[in-house]
Amino acid sequence: MFNTNIALSETQNQVIKNKISEAILEKFIPNFKLVGRATYKFLLLDIYYATLISETGHYPSDKFALILRYNRDFTKKSVVKETVEQLQKQKKYSENELIALKQLLNKAFRTIQKNDQFIAIKLLDKGIFYFKNEKVLETSDMDFLDLFFNIWLRENSQDPDFTKSLLGKDN
């Protein structure tokens, strides 16, 4: 008899996850092209690897995706808190807007473990977020989407060198 309960190796699991991620990206951005890659560091610690792709290989683009692969564990609460802080650097929110923002972000984020992947896709009329290849949020709130992606993509981001690399402008 053959043992059909053989566990997949870490490498085999990663290949399967990558194929699923690639299928998600191709669904929304067929023939996507790399714009740039960067590693976000804080106090010499690698926090996550980021990849930006688009339909043209350039940014800005009508369709693009930001992929984050985390190198550390984070609580959902800490990720939501940090994201809110980054959004508040771009816009002043009322108390009611902050409550709605936190509710939205709590839908988009989960507790993160090392090697987990988050994919944020921006299309002309909506954004779609995946965590560990599971769709976690779809929104047509373009103001939110612009501010969210600008955490990483705006000129005056928290880490301009990171942004420059992510935009493929570090050559």
Foldseek 3Di string as FASTA:
>chain_A
DDDPPDDDDPVVVVVVLVVLVVVVCCVQQNPKAWQFKFFDDDPNHGAWIKTKIHNVSAPPDQKIKIKIFGQAWAALVVVLVVLVVLLCVVDPDDPVRNVVSSVQSSQQDHTDHHGKMKMWMHHNQWIWIDTSSHTRDIDRPVVVVVSSVCCQAPCPHPDNVRNCRNRVNPD
